[in-house]
Structure formats: structure tokens, C-alpha cells
Amino acid sequence: MRQSHNHQVSHELFLLSSGCYQQVISYTTCVVKRVLFLTYNCDIRRKTQNSGVSIPGTGGEVYYEQLQEILELQYGPELLVFLFYYKWFRCDGRRMVTENNVTSIDISTEVFKDD
């Protein structure tokens, strides 16, 4: 990109196009903008779990995502990129039960496996 003298390409885009370093770091926890993210394997030993989140879909359906892995990739000396790998589950009436202000979700059927 730099050889074509395209000055509209940002420095960040140039670093991304150059590829990341060979070393990839995996984390079980990560703080981004003062929000703590925990992977499922880190969270499973706790009484209260915080590795998943519920998100409304565009058609009114509800999805639950469970954080599986956090990866750190480094592009050049100053650009770090974090990748979050999630498992997704659909939460329709049969798969979600709320009792005593505690919601339980059936995670036996994963959706969007290939995305």
C-alpha cells in the first residue's frame, strides 16, 4: 500500500494490511474501557457467572452469547487488536427460565457455529 503512494490509507490500515506478529496471546480475562470480560472457563468455577450476555435480535428474538476465548494480536510496534470468540445460543420460551429473579438458559443447542 505504501509503495502505491496512496496517502488516503491510514497508518492503522497500513499496519493491519502488513499482517500481525507470529505470537498470539490468549487471555482468560480482559478489561476494555473499564469493563471486565471473563471467559467461560474462568467463570465456570464462580457462584455468580459473568461470561455471557443477552442480546436482542433484529426480528425480536433473543440471543445469549458466551465468551470462550480472548486473543491479542499485535500489528507493528504500536497497534494491539483484541479478538473475542463467542458461542451463540437462541433464547426462546423453551430455552430460558426465570425463577426467583435468576435466569437459566439451556446452552445445549449452539447457533451460528460457522460464522
PDB file of N, CA and C in Angstrom:
ATOM      1  N   MET A   1       0.815  -1.192   0.000  1.00  0.00           N
ATOM      2  CA  MET A   1       0.000   0.000   0.000  1.00  0.00           C
ATOM      3  C   MET A   1       0.859   1.258   0.000  1.00  0.00           C
ATOM      4  N   ARG A   2       1.927   1.227   0.791  1.00  0.00           N
ATOM      5  CA  ARG A   2       2.795   2.399   0.846  1.00  0.00           C
ATOM      6  C   ARG A   2       3.505   2.607  -0.485  1.00  0.00           C
ATOM      7  N   GLN A   3       3.818   1.520  -1.194  1.00  0.00           N
ATOM      8  CA  GLN A   3       4.524   1.636  -2.462  1.00  0.00           C
ATOM      9  C   GLN A   3       3.666   2.288  -3.533  1.00  0.00           C
ATOM     10  N   SER A   4       2.352   2.160  -3.432  1.00  0.00           N
ATOM     11  CA  SER A   4       1.474   2.776  -4.430  1.00  0.00           C
ATOM     12  C   SER A   4       1.255   4.261  -4.149  1.00  0.00           C
ATOM     13  N   HIS A   5       1.828   4.763  -3.063  1.00  0.00           N
ATOM     14  CA  HIS A   5       1.753   6.184  -2.698  1.00  0.00           C
ATOM     15  C   HIS A   5       0.319   6.654  -2.489  1.00  0.00           C
ATOM     16  N   ASN A   6      -0.515   5.786  -1.956  1.00  0.00           N
ATOM     17  CA  ASN A   6      -1.890   6.156  -1.640  1.00  0.00           C
ATOM     18  C   ASN A   6      -1.899   6.800  -0.257  1.00  0.00           C
ATOM     19  N   HIS A   7      -1.938   8.113  -0.213  1.00  0.00           N
ATOM     20  CA  HIS A   7      -1.853   8.848   1.048  1.00  0.00           C
ATOM     21  C   HIS A   7      -3.174   8.855   1.804  1.00  0.00           C
ATOM     22  N   GLN A   8      -4.239   8.318   1.205  1.00  0.00           N
ATOM     23  CA  GLN A   8      -5.528   8.257   1.888  1.00  0.00           C
ATOM     24  C   GLN A   8      -5.624   7.046   2.815  1.00  0.00           C
ATOM     25  N   VAL A   9      -4.661   6.158   2.742  1.00  0.00           N
ATOM     26  CA  VAL A   9      -4.641   4.979   3.602  1.00  0.00           C
ATOM     27  C   VAL A   9      -4.079   5.381   4.964  1.00  0.00           C
ATOM     28  N   SER A  10      -4.837   5.106   6.016  1.00  0.00           N
ATOM     29  CA  SER A  10      -4.382   5.475   7.357  1.00  0.00           C
ATOM     30  C   SER A  10      -3.223   4.576   7.793  1.00  0.00           C
ATOM     31  N   HIS A  11      -2.484   5.066   8.767  1.00  0.00           N
ATOM     32  CA  HIS A  11      -1.368   4.298   9.313  1.00  0.00           C
ATOM     33  C   HIS A  11      -1.877   2.984   9.923  1.00  0.00           C
ATOM     34  N   GLU A  12      -3.024   3.042  10.593  1.00  0.00           N
ATOM     35  CA  GLU A  12      -3.616   1.861  11.208  1.00  0.00           C
ATOM     36  C   GLU A  12      -3.972   0.805  10.159  1.00  0.00           C
ATOM     37  N   LEU A  13      -4.571   1.227   9.065  1.00  0.00           N
ATOM     38  CA  LEU A  13      -4.920   0.297   7.987  1.00  0.00           C
ATOM     39  C   LEU A  13      -3.662  -0.301   7.360  1.00  0.00           C
ATOM     40  N   PHE A  14      -2.630   0.505   7.228  1.00  0.00           N
ATOM     41  CA  PHE A  14      -1.363   0.006   6.698  1.00  0.00           C
ATOM     42  C   PHE A  14      -0.789  -1.093   7.594  1.00  0.00           C
ATOM     43  N   LEU A  15      -0.815  -0.874   8.926  1.00  0.00           N
ATOM     44  CA  LEU A  15      -0.306  -1.883   9.856  1.00  0.00           C
ATOM     45  C   LEU A  15      -1.120  -3.173   9.771  1.00  0.00           C
ATOM     46  N   LEU A  16      -2.446  -3.058   9.683  1.00  0.00           N
ATOM     47  CA  LEU A  16      -3.304  -4.239   9.571  1.00  0.00           C
ATOM     48  C   LEU A  16      -3.021  -5.013   8.292  1.00  0.00           C
ATOM     49  N   SER A  17      -2.805  -4.298   7.194  1.00  0.00           N
ATOM     50  CA  SER A  17      -2.561  -4.963   5.911  1.00  0.00           C
ATOM     51  C   SER A  17      -1.190  -5.639   5.865  1.00  0.00           C
ATOM     52  N   SER A  18      -0.289  -5.225   6.745  1.00  0.00           N
ATOM     53  CA  SER A  18       1.050  -5.818   6.788  1.00  0.00           C
ATOM     54  C   SER A  18       1.071  -7.157   7.520  1.00  0.00           C
ATOM     55  N   GLY A  19      -0.007  -7.484   8.218  1.00  0.00           N
ATOM     56  CA  GLY A  19      -0.086  -8.746   8.950  1.00  0.00           C
ATOM     57  C   GLY A  19       0.379  -8.607  10.384  1.00  0.00           C
ATOM     58  N   CYS A  20      -0.085  -9.527  11.211  1.00  0.00           N
ATOM     59  CA  CYS A  20       0.259  -9.457  12.634  1.00  0.00           C
ATOM     60  C   CYS A  20       1.536 -10.243  12.914  1.00  0.00           C
ATOM     61  N   TYR A  21       2.097  -9.979  14.080  1.00  0.00           N
ATOM     62  CA  TYR A  21       3.257 -10.732  14.528  1.00  0.00           C
ATOM     63  C   TYR A  21       2.857 -12.191  14.712  1.00  0.00           C
ATOM     64  N   GLN A  22       3.840 -13.082  14.691  1.00  0.00           N
ATOM     65  CA  GLN A  22       3.581 -14.523  14.816  1.00  0.00           C
ATOM     66  C   GLN A  22       3.004 -14.900  16.182  1.00  0.00           C
ATOM     67  N   GLN A  23       3.413 -14.194  17.227  1.00  0.00           N
ATOM     68  CA  GLN A  23       2.980 -14.538  18.577  1.00  0.00           C
ATOM     69  C   GLN A  23       1.566 -14.026  18.838  1.00  0.00           C
ATOM     70  N   VAL A  24       0.679 -14.924  19.259  1.00  0.00           N
ATOM     71  CA  VAL A  24      -0.685 -14.575  19.647  1.00  0.00           C
ATOM     72  C   VAL A  24      -0.825 -14.921  21.122  1.00  0.00           C
ATOM     73  N   ILE A  25      -1.355 -13.979  21.905  1.00  0.00           N
ATOM     74  CA  ILE A  25      -1.502 -14.190  23.345  1.00  0.00           C
ATOM     75  C   ILE A  25      -2.969 -14.449  23.652  1.00  0.00           C
ATOM     76  N   SER A  26      -3.227 -15.461  24.477  1.00  0.00           N
ATOM     77  CA  SER A  26      -4.585 -15.813  24.881  1.00  0.00           C
ATOM     78  C   SER A  26      -4.792 -15.407  26.340  1.00  0.00           C
ATOM     79  N   TYR A  27      -5.950 -14.810  26.637  1.00  0.00           N
ATOM     80  CA  TYR A  27      -6.273 -14.362  27.990  1.00  0.00           C
ATOM     81  C   TYR A  27      -7.569 -15.012  28.464  1.00  0.00           C
ATOM     82  N   THR A  28      -7.709 -15.161  29.783  1.00  0.00           N
ATOM     83  CA  THR A  28      -8.973 -15.617  30.362  1.00  0.00           C
ATOM     84  C   THR A  28      -9.803 -14.441  30.858  1.00  0.00           C
ATOM     85  N   THR A  29      -9.156 -13.288  31.084  1.00  0.00           N
ATOM     86  CA  THR A  29      -9.852 -12.064  31.479  1.00  0.00           C
ATOM     87  C   THR A  29      -9.267 -10.891  30.701  1.00  0.00           C
ATOM     88  N   CYS A  30     -10.065  -9.847  30.565  1.00  0.00           N
ATOM     89  CA  CYS A  30      -9.618  -8.660  29.834  1.00  0.00           C
ATOM     90  C   CYS A  30     -10.470  -7.479  30.276  1.00  0.00           C
ATOM     91  N   VAL A  31      -9.863  -6.313  30.456  1.00  0.00           N
ATOM     92  CA  VAL A  31     -10.593  -5.095  30.788  1.00  0.00           C
ATOM     93  C   VAL A  31     -10.509  -4.152  29.593  1.00  0.00           C
ATOM     94  N   VAL A  32     -11.671  -3.758  29.076  1.00  0.00           N
ATOM     95  CA  VAL A  32     -11.753  -2.820  27.961  1.00  0.00           C
ATOM     96  C   VAL A  32     -12.670  -1.684  28.387  1.00  0.00           C
ATOM     97  N   LYS A  33     -12.144  -0.471  28.390  1.00  0.00           N
ATOM     98  CA  LYS A  33     -12.898   0.720  28.794  1.00  0.00           C
ATOM     99  C   LYS A  33     -13.607   0.502  30.134  1.00  0.00           C
ATOM    100  N   ARG A  34     -12.851  -0.015  31.100  1.00  0.00           N
ATOM    101  CA  ARG A  34     -13.305  -0.249  32.473  1.00  0.00           C
ATOM    102  C   ARG A  34     -14.387  -1.325  32.593  1.00  0.00           C
ATOM    103  N   VAL A  35     -14.551  -2.168  31.575  1.00  0.00           N
ATOM    104  CA  VAL A  35     -15.483  -3.297  31.637  1.00  0.00           C
ATOM    105  C   VAL A  35     -14.664  -4.586  31.673  1.00  0.00           C
ATOM    106  N   LEU A  36     -14.941  -5.433  32.665  1.00  0.00           N
ATOM    107  CA  LEU A  36     -14.221  -6.694  32.819  1.00  0.00           C
ATOM    108  C   LEU A  36     -14.912  -7.791  32.015  1.00  0.00           C
ATOM    109  N   PHE A  37     -14.156  -8.469  31.168  1.00  0.00           N
ATOM    110  CA  PHE A  37     -14.640  -9.609  30.396  1.00  0.00           C
ATOM    111  C   PHE A  37     -13.961 -10.859  30.937  1.00  0.00           C
ATOM    112  N   LEU A  38     -14.746 -11.915  31.206  1.00  0.00           N
ATOM    113  CA  LEU A  38     -14.222 -13.196  31.675  1.00  0.00           C
ATOM    114  C   LEU A  38     -14.639 -14.282  30.698  1.00  0.00           C
ATOM    115  N   THR A  39     -13.725 -15.192  30.393  1.00  0.00           N
ATOM    116  CA  THR A  39     -14.086 -16.318  29.539  1.00  0.00           C
ATOM    117  C   THR A  39     -14.893 -17.332  30.350  1.00  0.00           C
ATOM    118  N   TYR A  40     -15.615 -18.171  29.640  1.00  0.00           N
ATOM    119  CA  TYR A  40     -16.443 -19.191  30.282  1.00  0.00           C
ATOM    120  C   TYR A  40     -15.608 -20.094  31.189  1.00  0.00           C
ATOM    121  N   ASN A  41     -14.438 -20.530  30.732  1.00  0.00           N
ATOM    122  CA  ASN A  41     -13.598 -21.422  31.542  1.00  0.00           C
ATOM    123  C   ASN A  41     -13.121 -20.764  32.831  1.00  0.00           C
ATOM    124  N   CYS A  42     -12.911 -19.478  32.816  1.00  0.00           N
ATOM    125  CA  CYS A  42     -12.524 -18.744  34.022  1.00  0.00           C
ATOM    126  C   CYS A  42     -13.729 -18.566  34.949  1.00  0.00           C
ATOM    127  N   ASP A  43     -14.887 -18.390  34.360  1.00  0.00           N
ATOM    128  CA  ASP A  43     -16.108 -18.056  35.081  1.00  0.00           C
ATOM    129  C   ASP A  43     -16.828 -19.273  35.665  1.00  0.00           C
ATOM    130  N   ILE A  44     -16.597 -20.454  35.110  1.00  0.00           N
ATOM    131  CA  ILE A  44     -17.364 -21.648  35.478  1.00  0.00           C
ATOM    132  C   ILE A  44     -17.189 -22.028  36.951  1.00  0.00           C
ATOM    133  N   ARG A  45     -16.070 -21.654  37.546  1.00  0.00           N
ATOM    134  CA  ARG A  45     -15.805 -22.005  38.945  1.00  0.00           C
ATOM    135  C   ARG A  45     -16.471 -21.039  39.928  1.00  0.00           C
ATOM    136  N   ARG A  46     -17.098 -20.012  39.444  1.00  0.00           N
ATOM    137  CA  ARG A  46     -17.688 -18.994  40.318  1.00  0.00           C
ATOM    138  C   ARG A  46     -19.170 -19.282  40.575  1.00  0.00           C
ATOM    139  N   LYS A  47     -19.660 -18.813  41.709  1.00  0.00           N
ATOM    140  CA  LYS A  47     -21.086 -18.983  42.018  1.00  0.00           C
ATOM    141  C   LYS A  47     -21.939 -18.054  41.166  1.00  0.00           C
ATOM    142  N   THR A  48     -21.482 -16.836  40.964  1.00  0.00           N
ATOM    143  CA  THR A  48     -22.177 -15.917  40.054  1.00  0.00           C
ATOM    144  C   THR A  48     -21.330 -15.784  38.804  1.00  0.00           C
ATOM    145  N   GLN A  49     -21.946 -15.996  37.664  1.00  0.00           N
ATOM    146  CA  GLN A  49     -21.192 -16.019  36.413  1.00  0.00           C
ATOM    147  C   GLN A  49     -21.455 -14.768  35.593  1.00  0.00           C
ATOM    148  N   ASN A  50     -20.397 -14.334  34.891  1.00  0.00           N
ATOM    149  CA  ASN A  50     -20.458 -13.090  34.140  1.00  0.00           C
ATOM    150  C   ASN A  50     -19.816 -13.233  32.763  1.00  0.00           C
ATOM    151  N   SER A  51     -19.756 -14.445  32.226  1.00  0.00           N
ATOM    152  CA  SER A  51     -19.092 -14.650  30.937  1.00  0.00           C
ATOM    153  C   SER A  51     -20.055 -14.571  29.763  1.00  0.00           C
ATOM    154  N   GLY A  52     -21.326 -14.345  30.023  1.00  0.00           N
ATOM    155  CA  GLY A  52     -22.305 -14.301  28.944  1.00  0.00           C
ATOM    156  C   GLY A  52     -23.147 -13.053  29.002  1.00  0.00           C
ATOM    157  N   VAL A  53     -23.772 -12.773  27.877  1.00  0.00           N
ATOM    158  CA  VAL A  53     -24.624 -11.595  27.798  1.00  0.00           C
ATOM    159  C   VAL A  53     -25.794 -11.908  26.879  1.00  0.00           C
ATOM    160  N   SER A  54     -26.921 -11.286  27.132  1.00  0.00           N
ATOM    161  CA  SER A  54     -28.127 -11.483  26.338  1.00  0.00           C
ATOM    162  C   SER A  54     -28.311 -10.288  25.405  1.00  0.00           C
ATOM    163  N   ILE A  55     -28.616 -10.573  24.131  1.00  0.00           N
ATOM    164  CA  ILE A  55     -28.720  -9.515  23.124  1.00  0.00           C
ATOM    165  C   ILE A  55     -29.985  -9.720  22.298  1.00  0.00           C
ATOM    166  N   PRO A  56     -30.782  -8.654  22.076  1.00  0.00           N
ATOM    167  CA  PRO A  56     -31.963  -8.802  21.217  1.00  0.00           C
ATOM    168  C   PRO A  56     -31.565  -8.868  19.746  1.00  0.00           C
ATOM    169  N   GLY A  57     -32.238  -9.742  18.993  1.00  0.00           N
ATOM    170  CA  GLY A  57     -32.005  -9.840  17.554  1.00  0.00           C
ATOM    171  C   GLY A  57     -32.875  -8.858  16.796  1.00  0.00           C
ATOM    172  N   THR A  58     -32.674  -8.748  15.505  1.00  0.00           N
ATOM    173  CA  THR A  58     -33.423  -7.794  14.687  1.00  0.00           C
ATOM    174  C   THR A  58     -34.886  -8.185  14.530  1.00  0.00           C
ATOM    175  N   GLY A  59     -35.203  -9.468  14.649  1.00  0.00           N
ATOM    176  CA  GLY A  59     -36.581  -9.931  14.496  1.00  0.00           C
ATOM    177  C   GLY A  59     -37.305 -10.124  15.810  1.00  0.00           C
ATOM    178  N   GLY A  60     -36.776  -9.591  16.903  1.00  0.00           N
ATOM    179  CA  GLY A  60     -37.412  -9.717  18.200  1.00  0.00           C
ATOM    180  C   GLY A  60     -36.943 -10.919  19.002  1.00  0.00           C
ATOM    181  N   GLU A  61     -36.206 -11.829  18.384  1.00  0.00           N
ATOM    182  CA  GLU A  61     -35.679 -12.980  19.114  1.00  0.00           C
ATOM    183  C   GLU A  61     -34.561 -12.523  20.048  1.00  0.00           C
ATOM    184  N   VAL A  62     -34.253 -13.349  21.026  1.00  0.00           N
ATOM    185  CA  VAL A  62     -33.200 -13.021  21.989  1.00  0.00           C
ATOM    186  C   VAL A  62     -32.092 -14.060  21.861  1.00  0.00           C
ATOM    187  N   TYR A  63     -30.854 -13.583  21.874  1.00  0.00           N
ATOM    188  CA  TYR A  63     -29.692 -14.464  21.803  1.00  0.00           C
ATOM    189  C   TYR A  63     -28.845 -14.288  23.054  1.00  0.00           C
ATOM    190  N   TYR A  64     -28.196 -15.363  23.429  1.00  0.00           N
ATOM    191  CA  TYR A  64     -27.270 -15.352  24.555  1.00  0.00           C
ATOM    192  C   TYR A  64     -25.903 -15.705  24.000  1.00  0.00           C
ATOM    193  N   GLU A  65     -24.902 -14.917  24.352  1.00  0.00           N
ATOM    194  CA  GLU A  65     -23.542 -15.205  23.899  1.00  0.00           C
ATOM    195  C   GLU A  65     -22.670 -15.517  25.100  1.00  0.00           C
ATOM    196  N   GLN A  66     -21.781 -16.476  24.906  1.00  0.00           N
ATOM    197  CA  GLN A  66     -20.902 -16.933  25.978  1.00  0.00           C
ATOM    198  C   GLN A  66     -19.455 -16.789  25.510  1.00  0.00           C
ATOM    199  N   LEU A  67     -18.689 -15.955  26.199  1.00  0.00           N
ATOM    200  CA  LEU A  67     -17.308 -15.671  25.815  1.00  0.00           C
ATOM    201  C   LEU A  67     -16.424 -16.898  26.027  1.00  0.00           C
ATOM    202  N   GLN A  68     -15.792 -17.377  24.958  1.00  0.00           N
ATOM    203  CA  GLN A  68     -14.968 -18.577  25.007  1.00  0.00           C
ATOM    204  C   GLN A  68     -13.474 -18.270  25.061  1.00  0.00           C
ATOM    205  N   GLU A  69     -13.046 -17.254  24.307  1.00  0.00           N
ATOM    206  CA  GLU A  69     -11.607 -17.007  24.184  1.00  0.00           C
ATOM    207  C   GLU A  69     -11.345 -15.536  23.877  1.00  0.00           C
ATOM    208  N   ILE A  70     -10.261 -15.015  24.443  1.00  0.00           N
ATOM    209  CA  ILE A  70      -9.807 -13.652  24.170  1.00  0.00           C
ATOM    210  C   ILE A  70      -8.389 -13.756  23.617  1.00  0.00           C
ATOM    211  N   LEU A  71      -8.178 -13.230  22.423  1.00  0.00           N
ATOM    212  CA  LEU A  71      -6.862 -13.282  21.782  1.00  0.00           C
ATOM    213  C   LEU A  71      -6.333 -11.875  21.561  1.00  0.00           C
ATOM    214  N   GLU A  72      -5.029 -11.705  21.744  1.00  0.00           N
ATOM    215  CA  GLU A  72      -4.370 -10.427  21.480  1.00  0.00           C
ATOM    216  C   GLU A  72      -3.441 -10.605  20.284  1.00  0.00           C
ATOM    217  N   LEU A  73      -3.647  -9.785  19.265  1.00  0.00           N
ATOM    218  CA  LEU A  73      -2.788  -9.773  18.086  1.00  0.00           C
ATOM    219  C   LEU A  73      -2.064  -8.440  18.041  1.00  0.00           C
ATOM    220  N   GLN A  74      -0.791  -8.454  17.684  1.00  0.00           N
ATOM    221  CA  GLN A  74      -0.030  -7.210  17.586  1.00  0.00           C
ATOM    222  C   GLN A  74       0.360  -6.968  16.138  1.00  0.00           C
ATOM    223  N   TYR A  75       0.033  -5.765  15.664  1.00  0.00           N
ATOM    224  CA  TYR A  75       0.354  -5.323  14.307  1.00  0.00           C
ATOM    225  C   TYR A  75       1.330  -4.165  14.417  1.00  0.00           C
ATOM    226  N   GLY A  76       2.571  -4.396  14.059  1.00  0.00           N
ATOM    227  CA  GLY A  76       3.568  -3.352  14.203  1.00  0.00           C
ATOM    228  C   GLY A  76       3.854  -3.112  15.673  1.00  0.00           C
ATOM    229  N   PRO A  77       4.693  -2.116  15.972  1.00  0.00           N
ATOM    230  CA  PRO A  77       5.089  -1.888  17.366  1.00  0.00           C
ATOM    231  C   PRO A  77       4.013  -1.234  18.230  1.00  0.00           C
ATOM    232  N   GLU A  78       2.977  -0.622  17.616  1.00  0.00           N
ATOM    233  CA  GLU A  78       2.045   0.149  18.439  1.00  0.00           C
ATOM    234  C   GLU A  78       0.573  -0.197  18.295  1.00  0.00           C
ATOM    235  N   LEU A  79       0.197  -1.190  17.511  1.00  0.00           N
ATOM    236  CA  LEU A  79      -1.224  -1.498  17.323  1.00  0.00           C
ATOM    237  C   LEU A  79      -1.552  -2.885  17.873  1.00  0.00           C
ATOM    238  N   LEU A  80      -2.384  -2.914  18.939  1.00  0.00           N
ATOM    239  CA  LEU A  80      -2.874  -4.164  19.514  1.00  0.00           C
ATOM    240  C   LEU A  80      -4.342  -4.326  19.146  1.00  0.00           C
ATOM    241  N   VAL A  81      -4.734  -5.537  18.755  1.00  0.00           N
ATOM    242  CA  VAL A  81      -6.122  -5.844  18.420  1.00  0.00           C
ATOM    243  C   VAL A  81      -6.545  -7.032  19.274  1.00  0.00           C
ATOM    244  N   PHE A  82      -7.696  -6.906  19.938  1.00  0.00           N
ATOM    245  CA  PHE A  82      -8.232  -7.999  20.740  1.00  0.00           C
ATOM    246  C   PHE A  82      -9.392  -8.633  19.993  1.00  0.00           C
ATOM    247  N   LEU A  83      -9.381  -9.959  19.910  1.00  0.00           N
ATOM    248  CA  LEU A  83     -10.459 -10.716  19.282  1.00  0.00           C
ATOM    249  C   LEU A  83     -11.206 -11.478  20.370  1.00  0.00           C
ATOM    250  N   PHE A  84     -12.527 -11.406  20.325  1.00  0.00           N
ATOM    251  CA  PHE A  84     -13.374 -12.101  21.283  1.00  0.00           C
ATOM    252  C   PHE A  84     -14.141 -13.184  20.535  1.00  0.00           C
ATOM    253  N   TYR A  85     -13.955 -14.445  20.936  1.00  0.00           N
ATOM    254  CA  TYR A  85     -14.652 -15.563  20.309  1.00  0.00           C
ATOM    255  C   TYR A  85     -15.799 -15.982  21.225  1.00  0.00           C
ATOM    256  N   TYR A  86     -17.020 -15.973  20.681  1.00  0.00           N
ATOM    257  CA  TYR A  86     -18.218 -16.301  21.440  1.00  0.00           C
ATOM    258  C   TYR A  86     -18.910 -17.528  20.883  1.00  0.00           C
ATOM    259  N   LYS A  87     -19.632 -18.235  21.748  1.00  0.00           N
ATOM    260  CA  LYS A  87     -20.633 -19.210  21.333  1.00  0.00           C
ATOM    261  C   LYS A  87     -21.982 -18.509  21.474  1.00  0.00           C
ATOM    262  N   TRP A  88     -22.883 -18.768  20.511  1.00  0.00           N
ATOM    263  CA  TRP A  88     -24.189 -18.114  20.496  1.00  0.00           C
ATOM    264  C   TRP A  88     -25.294 -19.142  20.695  1.00  0.00           C
ATOM    265  N   PHE A  89     -26.331 -18.748  21.455  1.00  0.00           N
ATOM    266  CA  PHE A  89     -27.477 -19.606  21.723  1.00  0.00           C
ATOM    267  C   PHE A  89     -28.752 -18.781  21.570  1.00  0.00           C
ATOM    268  N   ARG A  90     -29.791 -19.395  21.000  1.00  0.00           N
ATOM    269  CA  ARG A  90     -31.084 -18.718  20.882  1.00  0.00           C
ATOM    270  C   ARG A  90     -31.858 -18.945  22.177  1.00  0.00           C
ATOM    271  N   CYS A  91     -32.475 -17.877  22.682  1.00  0.00           N
ATOM    272  CA  CYS A  91     -33.222 -17.948  23.944  1.00  0.00           C
ATOM    273  C   CYS A  91     -34.705 -17.755  23.670  1.00  0.00           C
ATOM    274  N   ASP A  92     -35.372 -18.791  23.197  1.00  0.00           N
ATOM    275  CA  ASP A  92     -36.818 -18.675  23.051  1.00  0.00           C
ATOM    276  C   ASP A  92     -37.468 -19.225  24.321  1.00  0.00           C
ATOM    277  N   GLY A  93     -38.770 -19.306  24.355  1.00  0.00           N
ATOM    278  CA  GLY A  93     -39.504 -19.692  25.562  1.00  0.00           C
ATOM    279  C   GLY A  93     -39.086 -21.011  26.165  1.00  0.00           C
ATOM    280  N   ARG A  94     -38.710 -21.971  25.353  1.00  0.00           N
ATOM    281  CA  ARG A  94     -38.343 -23.296  25.866  1.00  0.00           C
ATOM    282  C   ARG A  94     -36.939 -23.316  26.455  1.00  0.00           C
ATOM    283  N   ARG A  95     -36.094 -22.415  26.038  1.00  0.00           N
ATOM    284  CA  ARG A  95     -34.678 -22.481  26.417  1.00  0.00           C
ATOM    285  C   ARG A  95     -34.276 -21.500  27.520  1.00  0.00           C
ATOM    286  N   MET A  96     -35.231 -20.708  28.010  1.00  0.00           N
ATOM    287  CA  MET A  96     -34.902 -19.716  29.031  1.00  0.00           C
ATOM    288  C   MET A  96     -35.963 -19.757  30.129  1.00  0.00           C
ATOM    289  N   VAL A  97     -35.531 -19.920  31.382  1.00  0.00           N
ATOM    290  CA  VAL A  97     -36.441 -19.998  32.520  1.00  0.00           C
ATOM    291  C   VAL A  97     -35.963 -19.014  33.576  1.00  0.00           C
ATOM    292  N   THR A  98     -36.884 -18.161  34.070  1.00  0.00           N
ATOM    293  CA  THR A  98     -36.563 -17.236  35.153  1.00  0.00           C
ATOM    294  C   THR A  98     -37.336 -17.657  36.393  1.00  0.00           C
ATOM    295  N   GLU A  99     -36.615 -17.867  37.480  1.00  0.00           N
ATOM    296  CA  GLU A  99     -37.222 -18.292  38.735  1.00  0.00           C
ATOM    297  C   GLU A  99     -36.480 -17.618  39.879  1.00  0.00           C
ATOM    298  N   ASN A 100     -37.214 -16.941  40.772  1.00  0.00           N
ATOM    299  CA  ASN A 100     -36.624 -16.216  41.904  1.00  0.00           C
ATOM    300  C   ASN A 100     -35.583 -15.194  41.441  1.00  0.00           C
ATOM    301  N   ASN A 101     -35.885 -14.467  40.371  1.00  0.00           N
ATOM    302  CA  ASN A 101     -35.010 -13.441  39.796  1.00  0.00           C
ATOM    303  C   ASN A 101     -33.692 -13.992  39.265  1.00  0.00           C
ATOM    304  N   VAL A 102     -33.616 -15.290  39.010  1.00  0.00           N
ATOM    305  CA  VAL A 102     -32.439 -15.918  38.421  1.00  0.00           C
ATOM    306  C   VAL A 102     -32.860 -16.533  37.095  1.00  0.00           C
ATOM    307  N   THR A 103     -32.162 -16.164  36.026  1.00  0.00           N
ATOM    308  CA  THR A 103     -32.479 -16.684  34.698  1.00  0.00           C
ATOM    309  C   THR A 103     -31.517 -17.802  34.343  1.00  0.00           C
ATOM    310  N   SER A 104     -32.062 -18.940  33.957  1.00  0.00           N
ATOM    311  CA  SER A 104     -31.269 -20.082  33.493  1.00  0.00           C
ATOM    312  C   SER A 104     -31.506 -20.257  32.005  1.00  0.00           C
ATOM    313  N   ILE A 105     -30.441 -20.546  31.274  1.00  0.00           N
ATOM    314  CA  ILE A 105     -30.518 -20.672  29.823  1.00  0.00           C
ATOM    315  C   ILE A 105     -29.986 -22.039  29.418  1.00  0.00           C
ATOM    316  N   ASP A 106     -30.738 -22.729  28.559  1.00  0.00           N
ATOM    317  CA  ASP A 106     -30.316 -24.022  28.020  1.00  0.00           C
ATOM    318  C   ASP A 106     -29.291 -23.756  26.925  1.00  0.00           C
ATOM    319  N   ILE A 107     -28.055 -24.189  27.148  1.00  0.00           N
ATOM    320  CA  ILE A 107     -26.989 -23.936  26.172  1.00  0.00           C
ATOM    321  C   ILE A 107     -26.588 -25.206  25.427  1.00  0.00           C
ATOM    322  N   SER A 108     -27.533 -26.133  25.305  1.00  0.00           N
ATOM    323  CA  SER A 108     -27.217 -27.385  24.617  1.00  0.00           C
ATOM    324  C   SER A 108     -27.254 -27.248  23.099  1.00  0.00           C
ATOM    325  N   THR A 109     -27.908 -26.214  22.570  1.00  0.00           N
ATOM    326  CA  THR A 109     -28.009 -26.037  21.120  1.00  0.00           C
ATOM    327  C   THR A 109     -27.373 -24.713  20.708  1.00  0.00           C
ATOM    328  N   GLU A 110     -26.188 -24.791  20.139  1.00  0.00           N
ATOM    329  CA  GLU A 110     -25.455 -23.605  19.690  1.00  0.00           C
ATOM    330  C   GLU A 110     -25.947 -23.179  18.305  1.00  0.00           C
ATOM    331  N   VAL A 111     -26.037 -21.864  18.068  1.00  0.00           N
ATOM    332  CA  VAL A 111     -26.388 -21.332  16.747  1.00  0.00           C
ATOM    333  C   VAL A 111     -25.199 -20.547  16.197  1.00  0.00           C
ATOM    334  N   PHE A 112     -25.198 -20.309  14.907  1.00  0.00           N
ATOM    335  CA  PHE A 112     -24.146 -19.542  14.215  1.00  0.00           C
ATOM    336  C   PHE A 112     -22.765 -20.168  14.399  1.00  0.00           C
ATOM    337  N   LYS A 113     -22.685 -21.488  14.407  1.00  0.00           N
ATOM    338  CA  LYS A 113     -21.405 -22.176  14.623  1.00  0.00           C
ATOM    339  C   LYS A 113     -20.366 -21.835  13.562  1.00  0.00           C
ATOM    340  N   ASP A 114     -20.790 -21.649  12.337  1.00  0.00           N
ATOM    341  CA  ASP A 114     -19.846 -21.452  11.233  1.00  0.00           C
ATOM    342  C   ASP A 114     -19.569 -19.991  10.917  1.00  0.00           C
ATOM    343  N   ASP A 115     -20.129 -19.072  11.686  1.00  0.00           N
ATOM    344  CA  ASP A 115     -19.926 -17.637  11.419  1.00  0.00           C
ATOM    345  C   ASP A 115     -18.728 -17.107  12.166  1.00  0.00           C
TER     346      ASP A 115
END
